[in-house]
Amino acid sequence: MDCSEEVQSISEEASSPMELKKGMSIFIDILRRADKNDDGKLSFDEFKAYFSDGVLTAEELKELFHTIDTHNTDNVDTDELCEYFSQHLGEYENVLAALEDLNLSILKAMDKTKKEYQESTHLEQFVTRFLLKETTNQLHSLQSSLECAMETTAEQTRQEKQGPLKPEALSIQWSGRRSNRRLQRNSSLSPNNPLLSLVNSGVYDEDSQWLTQVNRLQKLIDRLEQKVTSHILIVQRQLAVLEEELEEFRLALRQYMDCACAQTGCLHIAVQRLANESRFILYEFWEHNNVWKNHLQTNYSKTFQRGNVDFLETPEIMTTMLVPASWWVLNNN
């Protein structure tokens, strides 16, 4: 199916007997992607596979499924999806409507490009390529903001479910024997704990410092294990700067590094200029991926990115890599 046929298909769906409100056609696409056996409806397994977000439990997903299934058929269809979500869209009703218009506009532009590009002049072809690139950049920028919002809201809900964390609690997934040992340590102050029973019986009343030292050792082991099993994020940014923009770029880079180094979660930033070239390699070390994504949404980061549009000869090349945090610990002790 070419772009023109896809535009026509979308238009036909939008004008189907379902008479969906503007922006609600996204739920036709959702059902199409989630419906693995192509029977036109979602079973609970299909619903769970698509809507599970790592925050809602299986029981909560089951409750949501039956809430949406107003026809009580143990299946969810497009009408039921639209009926449920239309009651909770709020400001996102306008967002979905705008996305529907944007999708149609992009498909029409792509269809026209396909038909006319080859016959265009070199300058007209350049303009087309430039507009495609800038459209992509704008969409990527929006995507980054949305992903950051998704992660932030998901993390906030997780913390609300877990309740206030104890100062020494770790947010790391443990497995195997280490997980069991961790569980035993966390329950060291429970009423059923053998050590606490001994203390209460008076055996260690005169040697409470011993128990304090044991707890300190447990906390130290926790920290060491966290450093061994967690990872840090290394970001490499290659920047090819225009000769006439070198001074302005250096000033902007210095301001960016000063702000980033003061950012919570930034471990280190270093920059290297290649000999006899106006190329710079920037190395950023962050505690974890989410911290870095939050950093990308700060005003100083966005200012640096906008400035690079004028400063750079070619687009920035960015690569990321996760490494064990123990490497960082060993190299900095």
C-alpha atoms as a PDB file:
ATOM      1  CA  MET A   1       0.000   0.000   0.000  1.00  0.00           C
ATOM      2  CA  ASP A   2       1.458   3.380  -1.008  1.00  0.00           C
ATOM      3  CA  CYS A   3       1.038   6.614   0.923  1.00  0.00           C
ATOM      4  CA  SER A   4      -2.004   7.782  -1.058  1.00  0.00           C
ATOM      5  CA  GLU A   5      -3.789   4.486  -0.414  1.00  0.00           C
ATOM      6  CA  GLU A   6      -2.936   4.702   3.294  1.00  0.00           C
ATOM      7  CA  VAL A   7      -4.339   8.248   3.481  1.00  0.00           C
ATOM      8  CA  GLN A   8      -7.514   7.020   1.801  1.00  0.00           C
ATOM      9  CA  SER A   9      -7.706   4.046   4.189  1.00  0.00           C
ATOM     10  CA  ILE A  10      -7.390   6.262   7.235  1.00  0.00           C
ATOM     11  CA  SER A  11     -10.030   8.633   5.881  1.00  0.00           C
ATOM     12  CA  GLU A  12     -12.409   5.736   5.286  1.00  0.00           C
ATOM     13  CA  GLU A  13     -11.868   4.454   8.833  1.00  0.00           C
ATOM     14  CA  ALA A  14     -12.466   7.912  10.269  1.00  0.00           C
ATOM     15  CA  SER A  15     -15.781   8.114   8.409  1.00  0.00           C
ATOM     16  CA  SER A  16     -16.849   4.563   9.269  1.00  0.00           C
ATOM     17  CA  PRO A  17     -20.202   3.875  10.942  1.00  0.00           C
ATOM     18  CA  MET A  18     -18.505   3.987  14.363  1.00  0.00           C
ATOM     19  CA  GLU A  19     -18.580   7.806  14.096  1.00  0.00           C
ATOM     20  CA  LEU A  20     -15.545   8.303  16.299  1.00  0.00           C
ATOM     21  CA  LYS A  21     -14.802  11.705  17.744  1.00  0.00           C
ATOM     22  CA  LYS A  22     -11.772  13.558  16.452  1.00  0.00           C
ATOM     23  CA  GLY A  23      -8.583  11.940  17.734  1.00  0.00           C
ATOM     24  CA  MET A  24     -10.195   8.664  18.782  1.00  0.00           C
ATOM     25  CA  SER A  25      -9.068   6.762  15.675  1.00  0.00           C
ATOM     26  CA  ILE A  26      -5.862   5.969  17.599  1.00  0.00           C
ATOM     27  CA  PHE A  27      -7.841   3.280  19.432  1.00  0.00           C
ATOM     28  CA  ILE A  28      -8.579   1.528  16.135  1.00  0.00           C
ATOM     29  CA  ASP A  29      -4.822   1.318  15.641  1.00  0.00           C
ATOM     30  CA  ILE A  30      -4.297   0.202  19.252  1.00  0.00           C
ATOM     31  CA  LEU A  31      -6.741  -2.661  18.860  1.00  0.00           C
ATOM     32  CA  ARG A  32      -5.222  -3.633  15.501  1.00  0.00           C
ATOM     33  CA  ARG A  33      -1.727  -3.869  17.033  1.00  0.00           C
ATOM     34  CA  ALA A  34      -2.822  -5.580  20.256  1.00  0.00           C
ATOM     35  CA  ASP A  35      -5.142  -8.087  18.531  1.00  0.00           C
ATOM     36  CA  LYS A  36      -2.646 -10.865  17.848  1.00  0.00           C
ATOM     37  CA  ASN A  37      -5.151 -13.418  16.510  1.00  0.00           C
ATOM     38  CA  ASP A  38      -6.976 -10.867  14.314  1.00  0.00           C
ATOM     39  CA  ASP A  39     -10.455 -11.671  15.647  1.00  0.00           C
ATOM     40  CA  GLY A  40     -11.384  -8.000  16.064  1.00  0.00           C
ATOM     41  CA  LYS A  41     -11.350  -7.981  19.875  1.00  0.00           C
ATOM     42  CA  LEU A  42      -8.921  -8.306  22.772  1.00  0.00           C
ATOM     43  CA  SER A  43      -8.809 -11.208  25.175  1.00  0.00           C
ATOM     44  CA  PHE A  44      -7.409 -10.529  28.634  1.00  0.00           C
ATOM     45  CA  ASP A  45      -4.030 -12.021  27.640  1.00  0.00           C
ATOM     46  CA  GLU A  46      -3.841  -9.722  24.599  1.00  0.00           C
ATOM     47  CA  PHE A  47      -4.990  -6.770  26.710  1.00  0.00           C
ATOM     48  CA  LYS A  48      -2.401  -7.500  29.408  1.00  0.00           C
ATOM     49  CA  ALA A  49       0.429  -7.933  26.878  1.00  0.00           C
ATOM     50  CA  TYR A  50      -0.303  -4.517  25.335  1.00  0.00           C
ATOM     51  CA  PHE A  51      -1.358  -2.390  28.307  1.00  0.00           C
ATOM     52  CA  SER A  52       1.015  -3.724  30.973  1.00  0.00           C
ATOM     53  CA  ASP A  53       3.334  -0.875  31.958  1.00  0.00           C
ATOM     54  CA  GLY A  54       5.393  -2.449  34.732  1.00  0.00           C
ATOM     55  CA  VAL A  55       3.490  -0.452  37.362  1.00  0.00           C
ATOM     56  CA  LEU A  56      -0.013  -1.934  37.462  1.00  0.00           C
ATOM     57  CA  THR A  57      -0.152  -5.423  38.960  1.00  0.00           C
ATOM     58  CA  ALA A  58      -1.823  -8.341  37.178  1.00  0.00           C
ATOM     59  CA  GLU A  59      -4.814  -7.975  39.520  1.00  0.00           C
ATOM     60  CA  GLU A  60      -5.129  -4.258  38.735  1.00  0.00           C
ATOM     61  CA  LEU A  61      -4.936  -4.966  35.005  1.00  0.00           C
ATOM     62  CA  LYS A  62      -7.655  -7.598  35.404  1.00  0.00           C
ATOM     63  CA  GLU A  63      -9.841  -5.071  37.222  1.00  0.00           C
ATOM     64  CA  LEU A  64      -9.229  -2.476  34.493  1.00  0.00           C
ATOM     65  CA  PHE A  65     -10.049  -5.038  31.791  1.00  0.00           C
ATOM     66  CA  HIS A  66     -13.429  -5.867  33.343  1.00  0.00           C
ATOM     67  CA  THR A  67     -14.166  -2.173  33.894  1.00  0.00           C
ATOM     68  CA  ILE A  68     -13.656  -1.515  30.168  1.00  0.00           C
ATOM     69  CA  ASP A  69     -15.590  -4.680  29.199  1.00  0.00           C
ATOM     70  CA  THR A  70     -19.025  -3.136  29.742  1.00  0.00           C
ATOM     71  CA  HIS A  71     -20.634  -5.777  27.487  1.00  0.00           C
ATOM     72  CA  ASN A  72     -19.423  -8.525  29.863  1.00  0.00           C
ATOM     73  CA  THR A  73     -18.112 -10.705  27.035  1.00  0.00           C
ATOM     74  CA  ASP A  74     -14.629 -11.312  28.503  1.00  0.00           C
ATOM     75  CA  ASN A  75     -13.344  -9.435  25.454  1.00  0.00           C
ATOM     76  CA  VAL A  76     -12.741  -5.761  24.743  1.00  0.00           C
ATOM     77  CA  ASP A  77     -13.628  -4.199  21.393  1.00  0.00           C
ATOM     78  CA  THR A  78     -12.935  -0.781  19.860  1.00  0.00           C
ATOM     79  CA  ASP A  79     -16.240   0.697  21.022  1.00  0.00           C
ATOM     80  CA  GLU A  80     -15.491  -0.229  24.621  1.00  0.00           C
ATOM     81  CA  LEU A  81     -11.946   1.125  24.425  1.00  0.00           C
ATOM     82  CA  CYS A  82     -13.156   4.424  23.020  1.00  0.00           C
ATOM     83  CA  GLU A  83     -15.998   4.664  25.514  1.00  0.00           C
ATOM     84  CA  TYR A  84     -13.690   4.152  28.487  1.00  0.00           C
ATOM     85  CA  PHE A  85     -10.740   6.335  27.455  1.00  0.00           C
ATOM     86  CA  SER A  86     -12.932   9.158  26.128  1.00  0.00           C
ATOM     87  CA  GLN A  87     -14.037   9.761  29.719  1.00  0.00           C
ATOM     88  CA  HIS A  88     -10.452  10.243  30.932  1.00  0.00           C
ATOM     89  CA  LEU A  89      -8.620  12.067  28.121  1.00  0.00           C
ATOM     90  CA  GLY A  90      -8.693  15.606  29.507  1.00  0.00           C
ATOM     91  CA  GLU A  91      -6.105  17.749  27.700  1.00  0.00           C
ATOM     92  CA  TYR A  92      -4.946  14.709  25.748  1.00  0.00           C
ATOM     93  CA  GLU A  93      -8.141  14.876  23.688  1.00  0.00           C
ATOM     94  CA  ASN A  94      -6.633  17.891  21.907  1.00  0.00           C
ATOM     95  CA  VAL A  95      -3.270  16.112  21.662  1.00  0.00           C
ATOM     96  CA  LEU A  96      -4.783  13.045  19.994  1.00  0.00           C
ATOM     97  CA  ALA A  97      -6.791  15.222  17.604  1.00  0.00           C
ATOM     98  CA  ALA A  98      -3.626  17.116  16.639  1.00  0.00           C
ATOM     99  CA  LEU A  99      -1.745  13.834  16.152  1.00  0.00           C
ATOM    100  CA  GLU A 100      -4.493  12.605  13.833  1.00  0.00           C
ATOM    101  CA  ASP A 101      -4.198  15.755  11.713  1.00  0.00           C
ATOM    102  CA  LEU A 102      -0.396  15.538  11.816  1.00  0.00           C
ATOM    103  CA  ASN A 103      -0.426  11.920  10.702  1.00  0.00           C
ATOM    104  CA  LEU A 104      -2.626  12.744   7.707  1.00  0.00           C
ATOM    105  CA  SER A 105      -0.519  15.798   6.797  1.00  0.00           C
ATOM    106  CA  ILE A 106       2.738  13.825   6.911  1.00  0.00           C
ATOM    107  CA  LEU A 107       1.319  10.997   4.816  1.00  0.00           C
ATOM    108  CA  LYS A 108       0.064  13.461   2.202  1.00  0.00           C
ATOM    109  CA  ALA A 109       3.441  15.240   2.121  1.00  0.00           C
ATOM    110  CA  MET A 110       5.258  11.905   1.759  1.00  0.00           C
ATOM    111  CA  ASP A 111       2.947  10.899  -1.073  1.00  0.00           C
ATOM    112  CA  LYS A 112       3.628  14.157  -2.891  1.00  0.00           C
ATOM    113  CA  THR A 113       7.361  13.796  -2.303  1.00  0.00           C
ATOM    114  CA  LYS A 114       7.315  10.293  -3.760  1.00  0.00           C
ATOM    115  CA  LYS A 115       5.631  11.539  -6.921  1.00  0.00           C
ATOM    116  CA  GLU A 116       7.550  14.787  -7.487  1.00  0.00           C
ATOM    117  CA  TYR A 117      11.031  14.407  -5.956  1.00  0.00           C
ATOM    118  CA  GLN A 118      12.762  12.744  -8.885  1.00  0.00           C
ATOM    119  CA  GLU A 119      11.592  15.413 -11.330  1.00  0.00           C
ATOM    120  CA  SER A 120      12.556  18.321  -9.047  1.00  0.00           C
ATOM    121  CA  THR A 121      15.646  20.513  -9.445  1.00  0.00           C
ATOM    122  CA  HIS A 122      18.663  19.945  -7.192  1.00  0.00           C
ATOM    123  CA  LEU A 123      17.739  22.950  -5.066  1.00  0.00           C
ATOM    124  CA  GLU A 124      14.158  21.772  -4.706  1.00  0.00           C
ATOM    125  CA  GLN A 125      15.426  18.316  -3.728  1.00  0.00           C
ATOM    126  CA  PHE A 126      17.691  19.918  -1.126  1.00  0.00           C
ATOM    127  CA  VAL A 127      14.735  21.805   0.362  1.00  0.00           C
ATOM    128  CA  THR A 128      12.733  18.577   0.533  1.00  0.00           C
ATOM    129  CA  ARG A 129      15.564  16.722   2.296  1.00  0.00           C
ATOM    130  CA  PHE A 130      16.061  19.634   4.690  1.00  0.00           C
ATOM    131  CA  LEU A 131      12.370  19.753   5.580  1.00  0.00           C
ATOM    132  CA  LEU A 132      12.265  16.001   6.139  1.00  0.00           C
ATOM    133  CA  LYS A 133      15.288  16.234   8.445  1.00  0.00           C
ATOM    134  CA  GLU A 134      13.870  19.161  10.435  1.00  0.00           C
ATOM    135  CA  THR A 135      10.485  17.459  10.749  1.00  0.00           C
ATOM    136  CA  THR A 136      12.259  14.382  12.089  1.00  0.00           C
ATOM    137  CA  ASN A 137      14.254  16.489  14.559  1.00  0.00           C
ATOM    138  CA  GLN A 138      11.103  18.160  15.860  1.00  0.00           C
ATOM    139  CA  LEU A 139       9.365  14.810  16.302  1.00  0.00           C
ATOM    140  CA  HIS A 140      12.397  13.369  18.096  1.00  0.00           C
ATOM    141  CA  SER A 141      12.441  16.353  20.432  1.00  0.00           C
ATOM    142  CA  LEU A 142       8.782  15.812  21.274  1.00  0.00           C
ATOM    143  CA  GLN A 143       9.413  12.099  21.735  1.00  0.00           C
ATOM    144  CA  SER A 144      12.246  12.757  24.207  1.00  0.00           C
ATOM    145  CA  SER A 145      10.011  15.031  26.279  1.00  0.00           C
ATOM    146  CA  LEU A 146       7.199  12.483  26.285  1.00  0.00           C
ATOM    147  CA  GLU A 147       9.531   9.614  27.239  1.00  0.00           C
ATOM    148  CA  CYS A 148      10.908  11.658  30.117  1.00  0.00           C
ATOM    149  CA  ALA A 149       7.362  12.394  31.313  1.00  0.00           C
ATOM    150  CA  MET A 150       6.453   8.690  31.011  1.00  0.00           C
ATOM    151  CA  GLU A 151       9.408   7.586  33.106  1.00  0.00           C
ATOM    152  CA  THR A 152       8.880  10.302  35.711  1.00  0.00           C
ATOM    153  CA  THR A 153       5.186   9.520  36.205  1.00  0.00           C
ATOM    154  CA  ALA A 154       5.830   5.760  36.311  1.00  0.00           C
ATOM    155  CA  GLU A 155       8.573   6.181  38.899  1.00  0.00           C
ATOM    156  CA  GLN A 156       6.366   8.476  40.988  1.00  0.00           C
ATOM    157  CA  THR A 157       3.591   5.858  41.036  1.00  0.00           C
ATOM    158  CA  ARG A 158       6.058   3.119  41.993  1.00  0.00           C
ATOM    159  CA  GLN A 159       7.294   5.188  44.930  1.00  0.00           C
ATOM    160  CA  GLU A 160       3.738   5.943  46.059  1.00  0.00           C
ATOM    161  CA  LYS A 161       2.927   2.227  46.000  1.00  0.00           C
ATOM    162  CA  GLN A 162       6.060   1.318  47.934  1.00  0.00           C
ATOM    163  CA  GLY A 163       5.517   4.043  50.523  1.00  0.00           C
ATOM    164  CA  PRO A 164       8.358   5.996  52.214  1.00  0.00           C
ATOM    165  CA  LEU A 165      11.673   4.225  51.774  1.00  0.00           C
ATOM    166  CA  LYS A 166      14.013   3.671  54.678  1.00  0.00           C
ATOM    167  CA  PRO A 167      17.327   5.567  54.393  1.00  0.00           C
ATOM    168  CA  GLU A 168      19.279   2.393  53.701  1.00  0.00           C
ATOM    169  CA  ALA A 169      16.763   0.794  51.332  1.00  0.00           C
ATOM    170  CA  LEU A 170      18.036   0.045  47.823  1.00  0.00           C
ATOM    171  CA  SER A 171      16.055   0.238  44.599  1.00  0.00           C
ATOM    172  CA  ILE A 172      17.899  -2.664  42.930  1.00  0.00           C
ATOM    173  CA  GLN A 173      16.417  -5.964  41.798  1.00  0.00           C
ATOM    174  CA  TRP A 174      18.199  -8.807  43.602  1.00  0.00           C
ATOM    175  CA  SER A 175      18.179 -12.444  42.511  1.00  0.00           C
ATOM    176  CA  GLY A 176      19.109 -15.895  43.782  1.00  0.00           C
ATOM    177  CA  ARG A 177      20.867 -16.434  47.109  1.00  0.00           C
ATOM    178  CA  ARG A 178      21.859 -12.780  47.306  1.00  0.00           C
ATOM    179  CA  SER A 179      18.174 -11.849  47.227  1.00  0.00           C
ATOM    180  CA  ASN A 180      17.405 -14.218  50.124  1.00  0.00           C
ATOM    181  CA  ARG A 181      20.313 -12.896  52.123  1.00  0.00           C
ATOM    182  CA  ARG A 182      19.165  -9.348  51.450  1.00  0.00           C
ATOM    183  CA  LEU A 183      15.664 -10.223  52.669  1.00  0.00           C
ATOM    184  CA  GLN A 184      17.057 -11.707  55.844  1.00  0.00           C
ATOM    185  CA  ARG A 185      19.120  -8.579  56.520  1.00  0.00           C
ATOM    186  CA  ASN A 186      16.130  -6.306  55.964  1.00  0.00           C
ATOM    187  CA  SER A 187      14.166  -8.291  58.546  1.00  0.00           C
ATOM    188  CA  SER A 188      16.956  -8.144  61.147  1.00  0.00           C
ATOM    189  CA  LEU A 189      14.900  -5.843  63.356  1.00  0.00           C
ATOM    190  CA  SER A 190      11.614  -7.763  63.081  1.00  0.00           C
ATOM    191  CA  PRO A 191      10.133  -9.262  66.284  1.00  0.00           C
ATOM    192  CA  ASN A 192      10.812 -12.800  65.010  1.00  0.00           C
ATOM    193  CA  ASN A 193      14.472 -12.180  64.260  1.00  0.00           C
ATOM    194  CA  PRO A 194      16.760 -14.504  66.305  1.00  0.00           C
ATOM    195  CA  LEU A 195      19.320 -11.788  67.044  1.00  0.00           C
ATOM    196  CA  LEU A 196      16.655  -9.452  68.362  1.00  0.00           C
ATOM    197  CA  SER A 197      15.223 -12.263  70.465  1.00  0.00           C
ATOM    198  CA  LEU A 198      18.634 -12.770  72.032  1.00  0.00           C
ATOM    199  CA  VAL A 199      18.951  -9.084  72.722  1.00  0.00           C
ATOM    200  CA  ASN A 200      15.507  -8.954  74.322  1.00  0.00           C
ATOM    201  CA  SER A 201      16.336 -11.971  76.483  1.00  0.00           C
ATOM    202  CA  GLY A 202      19.232 -10.068  78.001  1.00  0.00           C
ATOM    203  CA  VAL A 203      22.074 -12.122  76.508  1.00  0.00           C
ATOM    204  CA  TYR A 204      23.508  -9.072  74.731  1.00  0.00           C
ATOM    205  CA  ASP A 205      22.270  -6.343  77.030  1.00  0.00           C
ATOM    206  CA  GLU A 206      25.811  -5.541  78.088  1.00  0.00           C
ATOM    207  CA  ASP A 207      27.232  -5.838  74.602  1.00  0.00           C
ATOM    208  CA  SER A 208      24.905  -3.714  72.490  1.00  0.00           C
ATOM    209  CA  GLN A 209      27.911  -2.234  70.687  1.00  0.00           C
ATOM    210  CA  TRP A 210      28.515  -5.631  69.120  1.00  0.00           C
ATOM    211  CA  LEU A 211      25.060  -5.582  67.516  1.00  0.00           C
ATOM    212  CA  THR A 212      25.650  -2.026  66.322  1.00  0.00           C
ATOM    213  CA  GLN A 213      28.850  -3.116  64.609  1.00  0.00           C
ATOM    214  CA  VAL A 214      27.047  -6.019  62.939  1.00  0.00           C
ATOM    215  CA  ASN A 215      24.428  -3.659  61.539  1.00  0.00           C
ATOM    216  CA  ARG A 216      27.131  -1.301  60.282  1.00  0.00           C
ATOM    217  CA  LEU A 217      28.844  -4.200  58.519  1.00  0.00           C
ATOM    218  CA  GLN A 218      25.550  -5.205  56.915  1.00  0.00           C
ATOM    219  CA  LYS A 219      25.028  -1.667  55.630  1.00  0.00           C
ATOM    220  CA  LEU A 220      28.584  -1.593  54.258  1.00  0.00           C
ATOM    221  CA  ILE A 221      27.994  -4.882  52.420  1.00  0.00           C
ATOM    222  CA  ASP A 222      24.777  -3.433  51.005  1.00  0.00           C
ATOM    223  CA  ARG A 223      26.641  -0.423  49.613  1.00  0.00           C
ATOM    224  CA  LEU A 224      29.422  -2.556  48.147  1.00  0.00           C
ATOM    225  CA  GLU A 225      26.905  -4.874  46.488  1.00  0.00           C
ATOM    226  CA  GLN A 226      25.037  -1.896  45.077  1.00  0.00           C
ATOM    227  CA  LYS A 227      28.222  -0.562  43.500  1.00  0.00           C
ATOM    228  CA  VAL A 228      29.070  -3.957  42.055  1.00  0.00           C
ATOM    229  CA  THR A 229      25.646  -4.716  40.568  1.00  0.00           C
ATOM    230  CA  SER A 230      24.521  -1.268  39.395  1.00  0.00           C
ATOM    231  CA  HIS A 231      25.619   0.513  36.235  1.00  0.00           C
ATOM    232  CA  ILE A 232      26.546   4.031  35.247  1.00  0.00           C
ATOM    233  CA  LEU A 233      25.926   5.666  31.891  1.00  0.00           C
ATOM    234  CA  ILE A 234      28.767   7.030  29.753  1.00  0.00           C
ATOM    235  CA  VAL A 235      27.801   9.456  26.991  1.00  0.00           C
ATOM    236  CA  GLN A 236      30.250  10.352  24.207  1.00  0.00           C
ATOM    237  CA  ARG A 237      29.438  13.400  22.082  1.00  0.00           C
ATOM    238  CA  GLN A 238      31.488  14.208  18.963  1.00  0.00           C
ATOM    239  CA  LEU A 239      31.253  17.856  17.936  1.00  0.00           C
ATOM    240  CA  ALA A 240      32.750  19.219  14.692  1.00  0.00           C
ATOM    241  CA  VAL A 241      32.827  23.005  15.154  1.00  0.00           C
ATOM    242  CA  LEU A 242      33.016  25.662  12.429  1.00  0.00           C
ATOM    243  CA  GLU A 243      36.342  27.518  12.575  1.00  0.00           C
ATOM    244  CA  GLU A 244      34.678  30.930  12.713  1.00  0.00           C
ATOM    245  CA  GLU A 245      32.480  29.800  15.637  1.00  0.00           C
ATOM    246  CA  LEU A 246      35.235  28.366  17.841  1.00  0.00           C
ATOM    247  CA  GLU A 247      35.320  31.145  20.450  1.00  0.00           C
ATOM    248  CA  GLU A 248      31.549  31.301  20.825  1.00  0.00           C
ATOM    249  CA  PHE A 249      31.403  27.507  21.048  1.00  0.00           C
ATOM    250  CA  ARG A 250      34.074  27.372  23.760  1.00  0.00           C
ATOM    251  CA  LEU A 251      32.138  29.868  25.857  1.00  0.00           C
ATOM    252  CA  ALA A 252      28.889  27.933  25.423  1.00  0.00           C
ATOM    253  CA  LEU A 253      30.662  24.640  26.187  1.00  0.00           C
ATOM    254  CA  ARG A 254      32.190  26.036  29.385  1.00  0.00           C
ATOM    255  CA  GLN A 255      28.799  27.269  30.594  1.00  0.00           C
ATOM    256  CA  TYR A 256      27.210  23.933  29.737  1.00  0.00           C
ATOM    257  CA  MET A 257      29.867  21.932  31.596  1.00  0.00           C
ATOM    258  CA  ASP A 258      29.626  24.158  34.679  1.00  0.00           C
ATOM    259  CA  CYS A 259      25.858  23.662  34.849  1.00  0.00           C
ATOM    260  CA  ALA A 260      25.992  19.926  34.096  1.00  0.00           C
ATOM    261  CA  CYS A 261      28.680  19.268  36.723  1.00  0.00           C
ATOM    262  CA  ALA A 262      26.401  20.836  39.336  1.00  0.00           C
ATOM    263  CA  GLN A 263      23.484  18.641  38.257  1.00  0.00           C
ATOM    264  CA  THR A 264      22.438  15.887  40.662  1.00  0.00           C
ATOM    265  CA  GLY A 265      23.565  12.519  39.302  1.00  0.00           C
ATOM    266  CA  CYS A 266      26.447  13.851  37.190  1.00  0.00           C
ATOM    267  CA  LEU A 267      29.624  11.998  38.159  1.00  0.00           C
ATOM    268  CA  HIS A 268      32.133  13.642  35.827  1.00  0.00           C
ATOM    269  CA  ILE A 269      32.464  15.551  32.547  1.00  0.00           C
ATOM    270  CA  ALA A 270      35.615  15.792  30.433  1.00  0.00           C
ATOM    271  CA  VAL A 271      36.335  17.305  27.034  1.00  0.00           C
ATOM    272  CA  GLN A 272      39.120  16.617  24.528  1.00  0.00           C
ATOM    273  CA  ARG A 273      40.005  18.613  21.435  1.00  0.00           C
ATOM    274  CA  LEU A 274      41.600  16.644  18.637  1.00  0.00           C
ATOM    275  CA  ALA A 275      44.992  17.988  17.532  1.00  0.00           C
ATOM    276  CA  ASN A 276      44.966  20.358  14.538  1.00  0.00           C
ATOM    277  CA  GLU A 277      41.203  20.015  14.236  1.00  0.00           C
ATOM    278  CA  SER A 278      38.195  21.945  15.402  1.00  0.00           C
ATOM    279  CA  ARG A 279      36.641  18.714  16.642  1.00  0.00           C
ATOM    280  CA  PHE A 280      35.786  18.115  20.278  1.00  0.00           C
ATOM    281  CA  ILE A 281      34.863  14.911  22.092  1.00  0.00           C
ATOM    282  CA  LEU A 282      32.780  15.378  25.221  1.00  0.00           C
ATOM    283  CA  TYR A 283      32.572  12.559  27.785  1.00  0.00           C
ATOM    284  CA  GLU A 284      29.744  12.613  30.336  1.00  0.00           C
ATOM    285  CA  PHE A 285      29.389  10.146  33.220  1.00  0.00           C
ATOM    286  CA  TRP A 286      25.916   9.833  34.804  1.00  0.00           C
ATOM    287  CA  GLU A 287      24.653   7.729  37.711  1.00  0.00           C
ATOM    288  CA  HIS A 288      21.997   6.091  35.518  1.00  0.00           C
ATOM    289  CA  ASN A 289      19.998   6.518  32.336  1.00  0.00           C
ATOM    290  CA  ASN A 290      17.004   8.295  33.887  1.00  0.00           C
ATOM    291  CA  VAL A 291      19.200  10.977  35.440  1.00  0.00           C
ATOM    292  CA  TRP A 292      20.724  11.689  32.035  1.00  0.00           C
ATOM    293  CA  LYS A 293      17.301  11.864  30.354  1.00  0.00           C
ATOM    294  CA  ASN A 294      16.146  14.354  32.979  1.00  0.00           C
ATOM    295  CA  HIS A 295      19.309  16.349  32.334  1.00  0.00           C
ATOM    296  CA  LEU A 296      18.423  16.563  28.623  1.00  0.00           C
ATOM    297  CA  GLN A 297      15.206  18.380  29.549  1.00  0.00           C
ATOM    298  CA  THR A 298      16.945  21.132  31.552  1.00  0.00           C
ATOM    299  CA  ASN A 299      17.084  24.663  30.186  1.00  0.00           C
ATOM    300  CA  TYR A 300      20.896  24.766  30.041  1.00  0.00           C
ATOM    301  CA  SER A 301      21.030  21.518  28.048  1.00  0.00           C
ATOM    302  CA  LYS A 302      18.421  22.734  25.564  1.00  0.00           C
ATOM    303  CA  THR A 303      20.261  26.075  25.234  1.00  0.00           C
ATOM    304  CA  PHE A 304      23.509  24.238  24.427  1.00  0.00           C
ATOM    305  CA  GLN A 305      21.719  22.069  21.858  1.00  0.00           C
ATOM    306  CA  ARG A 306      20.136  25.083  20.149  1.00  0.00           C
ATOM    307  CA  GLY A 307      23.488  26.861  20.015  1.00  0.00           C
ATOM    308  CA  ASN A 308      25.110  23.852  18.388  1.00  0.00           C
ATOM    309  CA  VAL A 309      22.790  24.268  15.410  1.00  0.00           C
ATOM    310  CA  ASP A 310      24.847  27.354  14.517  1.00  0.00           C
ATOM    311  CA  PHE A 311      28.220  26.268  15.918  1.00  0.00           C
ATOM    312  CA  LEU A 312      28.608  22.830  14.334  1.00  0.00           C
ATOM    313  CA  GLU A 313      29.787  22.017  10.836  1.00  0.00           C
ATOM    314  CA  THR A 314      28.035  18.630  10.845  1.00  0.00           C
ATOM    315  CA  PRO A 315      25.366  17.157  13.131  1.00  0.00           C
ATOM    316  CA  GLU A 316      26.547  15.980  16.530  1.00  0.00           C
ATOM    317  CA  ILE A 317      27.313  12.266  16.907  1.00  0.00           C
ATOM    318  CA  MET A 318      26.213  10.853  20.248  1.00  0.00           C
ATOM    319  CA  THR A 319      26.803   7.361  21.608  1.00  0.00           C
ATOM    320  CA  THR A 320      25.943   5.910  25.012  1.00  0.00           C
ATOM    321  CA  MET A 321      27.191   2.910  26.949  1.00  0.00           C
ATOM    322  CA  LEU A 322      26.337   1.319  30.296  1.00  0.00           C
ATOM    323  CA  VAL A 323      29.277   0.070  32.373  1.00  0.00           C
ATOM    324  CA  PRO A 324      29.389  -1.559  35.830  1.00  0.00           C
ATOM    325  CA  ALA A 325      29.547   1.050  38.573  1.00  0.00           C
ATOM    326  CA  SER A 326      32.367  -0.962  40.149  1.00  0.00           C
ATOM    327  CA  TRP A 327      34.664   0.203  37.323  1.00  0.00           C
ATOM    328  CA  TRP A 328      34.008   3.802  38.308  1.00  0.00           C
ATOM    329  CA  VAL A 329      34.525   2.995  42.002  1.00  0.00           C
ATOM    330  CA  LEU A 330      37.826   1.207  41.370  1.00  0.00           C
ATOM    331  CA  ASN A 331      39.174   3.963  39.110  1.00  0.00           C
ATOM    332  CA  ASN A 332      38.308   6.697  41.572  1.00  0.00           C
ATOM    333  CA  ASN A 333      39.600   5.152  44.813  1.00  0.00           C
END
